[in-house]
Amino acid sequence: MRGRYAGGRSGGWLGVAVLGIALAASAQEGGSSTSDPAREAIEQALQAHERGDDHAAIDLLQKAIAALQRTLSGQIERFLPEPPEGWTAEPIQR
């Protein structure tokens, strides 16, 4: 038997996924931002899910995940050491 959310429709897992990604994005950015592509995609995904368009919601959540991964890859770069003397390093591909 599948779970049901307050609206009575099955598929509550998507709401949980949206909430989890939203919390991760919020923690990452330290609050709301009007120009945050991940947050915008999450909000649009939640709206799509609420109107029953779960395919669009999934696509939008995948966009949010991609935006968060780009942010994380930029943060990882600062932990990498400088190349040894005489060596060169290519820029990190994002």
N, C-alpha and C. Protein backbone atom coordinates (compact mmCIF):
# COMPACT_ATOMS: atom_id res chain seq x y z
N MET A 1 0.84 -1.18 0.00
CA MET A 1 0.00 0.00 0.00
C MET A 1 0.88 1.24 0.00
N ARG A 2 0.58 2.19 -0.85
CA ARG A 2 1.38 3.40 -0.95
C ARG A 2 0.89 4.44 0.04
N GLY A 3 1.84 5.30 0.46
CA GLY A 3 1.49 6.36 1.41
C GLY A 3 0.61 7.42 0.76
N ARG A 4 -0.08 8.15 1.56
CA ARG A 4 -0.92 9.24 1.08
C ARG A 4 -0.60 10.49 1.88
N TYR A 5 -0.58 11.62 1.20
CA TYR A 5 -0.39 12.87 1.92
C TYR A 5 -1.75 13.48 2.22
N ALA A 6 -1.75 14.64 2.84
CA ALA A 6 -2.99 15.24 3.35
C ALA A 6 -4.05 15.42 2.27
N GLY A 7 -3.64 15.59 1.02
CA GLY A 7 -4.60 15.78 -0.05
C GLY A 7 -5.31 14.51 -0.45
N GLY A 8 -4.89 13.37 0.08
CA GLY A 8 -5.57 12.12 -0.19
C GLY A 8 -5.05 11.38 -1.41
N ARG A 9 -4.15 11.99 -2.17
CA ARG A 9 -3.60 11.31 -3.35
C ARG A 9 -2.35 10.54 -2.96
N SER A 10 -2.10 9.46 -3.66
CA SER A 10 -0.88 8.70 -3.38
C SER A 10 0.30 9.43 -3.98
N GLY A 11 1.50 9.04 -3.57
CA GLY A 11 2.71 9.65 -4.10
C GLY A 11 3.31 10.66 -3.14
N GLY A 12 3.09 10.50 -1.86
CA GLY A 12 3.62 11.43 -0.88
C GLY A 12 5.14 11.49 -0.86
N TRP A 13 5.80 10.51 -1.45
CA TRP A 13 7.26 10.50 -1.50
C TRP A 13 7.78 11.73 -2.22
N LEU A 14 7.05 12.23 -3.21
CA LEU A 14 7.52 13.40 -3.95
C LEU A 14 7.54 14.62 -3.04
N GLY A 15 6.53 14.76 -2.21
CA GLY A 15 6.51 15.86 -1.26
C GLY A 15 7.68 15.79 -0.29
N VAL A 16 8.01 14.59 0.15
CA VAL A 16 9.14 14.40 1.04
C VAL A 16 10.44 14.77 0.32
N ALA A 17 10.56 14.37 -0.95
CA ALA A 17 11.75 14.71 -1.73
C ALA A 17 11.87 16.22 -1.89
N VAL A 18 10.77 16.88 -2.19
CA VAL A 18 10.78 18.34 -2.35
C VAL A 18 11.22 18.99 -1.04
N LEU A 19 10.67 18.54 0.07
CA LEU A 19 11.02 19.10 1.37
C LEU A 19 12.50 18.90 1.66
N GLY A 20 13.01 17.70 1.40
CA GLY A 20 14.42 17.42 1.65
C GLY A 20 15.33 18.30 0.82
N ILE A 21 15.02 18.46 -0.44
CA ILE A 21 15.85 19.30 -1.30
C ILE A 21 15.73 20.76 -0.87
N ALA A 22 14.53 21.18 -0.51
CA ALA A 22 14.34 22.57 -0.06
C ALA A 22 15.15 22.85 1.19
N LEU A 23 15.16 21.90 2.12
CA LEU A 23 15.94 22.09 3.34
C LEU A 23 17.43 22.14 3.03
N ALA A 24 17.89 21.29 2.13
CA ALA A 24 19.30 21.30 1.75
C ALA A 24 19.67 22.62 1.09
N ALA A 25 18.81 23.11 0.22
CA ALA A 25 19.07 24.38 -0.46
C ALA A 25 19.07 25.52 0.53
N SER A 26 18.16 25.50 1.47
CA SER A 26 18.08 26.56 2.47
C SER A 26 19.32 26.56 3.35
N ALA A 27 19.75 25.39 3.78
CA ALA A 27 20.94 25.29 4.61
C ALA A 27 22.17 25.72 3.83
N GLN A 28 22.22 25.38 2.58
CA GLN A 28 23.35 25.71 1.72
C GLN A 28 23.49 27.22 1.56
N GLU A 29 22.40 27.89 1.34
CA GLU A 29 22.42 29.31 1.06
C GLU A 29 22.26 30.16 2.31
N GLY A 30 21.93 29.55 3.41
CA GLY A 30 21.76 30.31 4.64
C GLY A 30 20.51 31.16 4.67
N GLY A 31 19.52 30.83 3.89
CA GLY A 31 18.28 31.60 3.88
C GLY A 31 17.74 31.69 2.48
N SER A 32 16.73 32.53 2.32
CA SER A 32 16.10 32.62 1.01
C SER A 32 16.87 33.56 0.09
N SER A 33 16.75 33.32 -1.17
CA SER A 33 17.38 34.16 -2.18
C SER A 33 16.44 34.23 -3.37
N THR A 34 16.25 35.44 -3.88
CA THR A 34 15.30 35.57 -4.98
C THR A 34 15.88 35.10 -6.30
N SER A 35 17.21 35.01 -6.41
CA SER A 35 17.81 34.60 -7.68
C SER A 35 18.48 33.23 -7.57
N ASP A 36 18.00 32.38 -6.70
CA ASP A 36 18.55 31.05 -6.50
C ASP A 36 17.83 30.07 -7.42
N PRO A 37 18.52 29.57 -8.46
CA PRO A 37 17.84 28.67 -9.40
C PRO A 37 17.35 27.38 -8.76
N ALA A 38 18.07 26.87 -7.77
CA ALA A 38 17.63 25.64 -7.10
C ALA A 38 16.33 25.89 -6.35
N ARG A 39 16.27 26.97 -5.61
CA ARG A 39 15.07 27.29 -4.84
C ARG A 39 13.88 27.52 -5.76
N GLU A 40 14.10 28.24 -6.85
CA GLU A 40 13.02 28.50 -7.80
C GLU A 40 12.48 27.20 -8.40
N ALA A 41 13.40 26.30 -8.77
CA ALA A 41 12.98 25.02 -9.34
C ALA A 41 12.21 24.19 -8.32
N ILE A 42 12.65 24.23 -7.06
CA ILE A 42 11.96 23.48 -6.01
C ILE A 42 10.55 24.01 -5.81
N GLU A 43 10.43 25.33 -5.76
CA GLU A 43 9.10 25.93 -5.58
C GLU A 43 8.18 25.60 -6.75
N GLN A 44 8.73 25.65 -7.97
CA GLN A 44 7.94 25.31 -9.15
C GLN A 44 7.56 23.83 -9.14
N ALA A 45 8.48 22.98 -8.67
CA ALA A 45 8.19 21.54 -8.59
C ALA A 45 7.06 21.27 -7.61
N LEU A 46 7.08 21.96 -6.49
CA LEU A 46 6.02 21.78 -5.51
C LEU A 46 4.67 22.22 -6.09
N GLN A 47 4.66 23.33 -6.81
CA GLN A 47 3.42 23.79 -7.45
C GLN A 47 2.93 22.76 -8.48
N ALA A 48 3.86 22.22 -9.27
CA ALA A 48 3.48 21.22 -10.26
C ALA A 48 2.92 19.97 -9.58
N HIS A 49 3.55 19.56 -8.50
CA HIS A 49 3.07 18.38 -7.76
C HIS A 49 1.68 18.63 -7.18
N GLU A 50 1.47 19.82 -6.64
CA GLU A 50 0.16 20.13 -6.04
C GLU A 50 -0.96 20.15 -7.08
N ARG A 51 -0.63 20.49 -8.33
CA ARG A 51 -1.67 20.47 -9.36
C ARG A 51 -1.74 19.11 -10.06
N GLY A 52 -0.95 18.13 -9.59
CA GLY A 52 -1.02 16.77 -10.09
C GLY A 52 -0.11 16.47 -11.26
N ASP A 53 0.78 17.38 -11.61
CA ASP A 53 1.69 17.18 -12.74
C ASP A 53 3.04 16.69 -12.22
N ASP A 54 3.06 15.41 -11.82
CA ASP A 54 4.26 14.86 -11.22
C ASP A 54 5.42 14.71 -12.20
N HIS A 55 5.14 14.54 -13.48
CA HIS A 55 6.23 14.47 -14.46
C HIS A 55 6.98 15.80 -14.50
N ALA A 56 6.25 16.90 -14.53
CA ALA A 56 6.89 18.22 -14.51
C ALA A 56 7.62 18.43 -13.19
N ALA A 57 7.02 17.97 -12.09
CA ALA A 57 7.66 18.12 -10.79
C ALA A 57 9.00 17.39 -10.75
N ILE A 58 9.04 16.20 -11.30
CA ILE A 58 10.30 15.44 -11.34
C ILE A 58 11.34 16.17 -12.18
N ASP A 59 10.95 16.66 -13.34
CA ASP A 59 11.88 17.41 -14.19
C ASP A 59 12.44 18.62 -13.45
N LEU A 60 11.57 19.33 -12.76
CA LEU A 60 12.01 20.52 -12.03
C LEU A 60 12.90 20.16 -10.85
N LEU A 61 12.62 19.05 -10.17
CA LEU A 61 13.48 18.61 -9.08
C LEU A 61 14.86 18.21 -9.61
N GLN A 62 14.91 17.61 -10.79
CA GLN A 62 16.19 17.27 -11.39
C GLN A 62 16.99 18.53 -11.72
N LYS A 63 16.30 19.60 -12.15
CA LYS A 63 16.97 20.88 -12.39
C LYS A 63 17.52 21.44 -11.09
N ALA A 64 16.75 21.32 -10.02
CA ALA A 64 17.20 21.80 -8.71
C ALA A 64 18.43 21.03 -8.25
N ILE A 65 18.41 19.72 -8.43
CA ILE A 65 19.55 18.89 -8.04
C ILE A 65 20.79 19.30 -8.83
N ALA A 66 20.63 19.52 -10.13
CA ALA A 66 21.77 19.94 -10.96
C ALA A 66 22.32 21.29 -10.48
N ALA A 67 21.45 22.21 -10.12
CA ALA A 67 21.90 23.51 -9.63
C ALA A 67 22.66 23.36 -8.31
N LEU A 68 22.17 22.51 -7.42
CA LEU A 68 22.85 22.27 -6.16
C LEU A 68 24.20 21.59 -6.38
N GLN A 69 24.27 20.67 -7.33
CA GLN A 69 25.54 20.00 -7.63
C GLN A 69 26.56 20.98 -8.18
N ARG A 70 26.12 21.94 -9.00
CA ARG A 70 27.04 22.97 -9.50
C ARG A 70 27.58 23.80 -8.34
N THR A 71 26.71 24.13 -7.41
CA THR A 71 27.13 24.90 -6.24
C THR A 71 28.15 24.11 -5.42
N LEU A 72 27.87 22.83 -5.20
CA LEU A 72 28.80 22.00 -4.43
C LEU A 72 30.14 21.85 -5.12
N SER A 73 30.14 21.70 -6.43
CA SER A 73 31.41 21.54 -7.15
C SER A 73 32.25 22.80 -7.00
N GLY A 74 31.62 23.95 -6.94
CA GLY A 74 32.36 25.19 -6.71
C GLY A 74 32.93 25.26 -5.31
N GLN A 75 32.24 24.69 -4.33
CA GLN A 75 32.72 24.69 -2.96
C GLN A 75 33.87 23.70 -2.77
N ILE A 76 33.85 22.61 -3.49
CA ILE A 76 34.91 21.61 -3.38
C ILE A 76 36.24 22.19 -3.87
N GLU A 77 36.17 23.03 -4.87
CA GLU A 77 37.37 23.61 -5.47
C GLU A 77 38.24 24.31 -4.44
N ARG A 78 37.66 24.96 -3.47
CA ARG A 78 38.46 25.70 -2.49
C ARG A 78 39.26 24.79 -1.56
N PHE A 79 38.91 23.51 -1.49
CA PHE A 79 39.63 22.58 -0.64
C PHE A 79 40.81 21.90 -1.36
N LEU A 80 40.88 22.07 -2.66
CA LEU A 80 41.96 21.44 -3.41
C LEU A 80 43.25 22.25 -3.24
N PRO A 81 44.37 21.58 -3.06
CA PRO A 81 45.63 22.30 -2.88
C PRO A 81 46.11 22.90 -4.21
N GLU A 82 46.98 23.87 -4.10
CA GLU A 82 47.62 24.42 -5.29
C GLU A 82 48.53 23.34 -5.88
N PRO A 83 48.74 23.36 -7.20
CA PRO A 83 49.63 22.35 -7.78
C PRO A 83 51.07 22.56 -7.28
N PRO A 84 51.83 21.47 -7.19
CA PRO A 84 53.23 21.59 -6.75
C PRO A 84 54.01 22.50 -7.70
N GLU A 85 55.11 23.02 -7.19
CA GLU A 85 55.95 23.91 -7.99
C GLU A 85 56.40 23.19 -9.27
N GLY A 86 56.23 23.88 -10.38
CA GLY A 86 56.59 23.31 -11.67
C GLY A 86 55.44 22.57 -12.35
N TRP A 87 54.36 22.38 -11.66
CA TRP A 87 53.20 21.70 -12.21
C TRP A 87 52.12 22.73 -12.53
N THR A 88 51.24 22.35 -13.41
CA THR A 88 50.09 23.21 -13.70
C THR A 88 48.81 22.39 -13.53
N ALA A 89 47.74 23.07 -13.29
CA ALA A 89 46.45 22.40 -13.13
C ALA A 89 45.44 23.07 -14.05
N GLU A 90 44.61 22.26 -14.66
CA GLU A 90 43.55 22.80 -15.50
C GLU A 90 42.41 23.28 -14.62
N PRO A 91 41.63 24.23 -15.11
CA PRO A 91 40.46 24.66 -14.33
C PRO A 91 39.49 23.50 -14.13
N ILE A 92 38.79 23.53 -13.02
CA ILE A 92 37.80 22.49 -12.72
C ILE A 92 36.63 22.65 -13.67
N GLN A 93 36.20 21.54 -14.25
CA GLN A 93 35.06 21.57 -15.16
C GLN A 93 33.78 21.47 -14.36
N ARG A 94 32.83 22.33 -14.68
CA ARG A 94 31.55 22.31 -13.96
C ARG A 94 30.45 21.92 -14.89
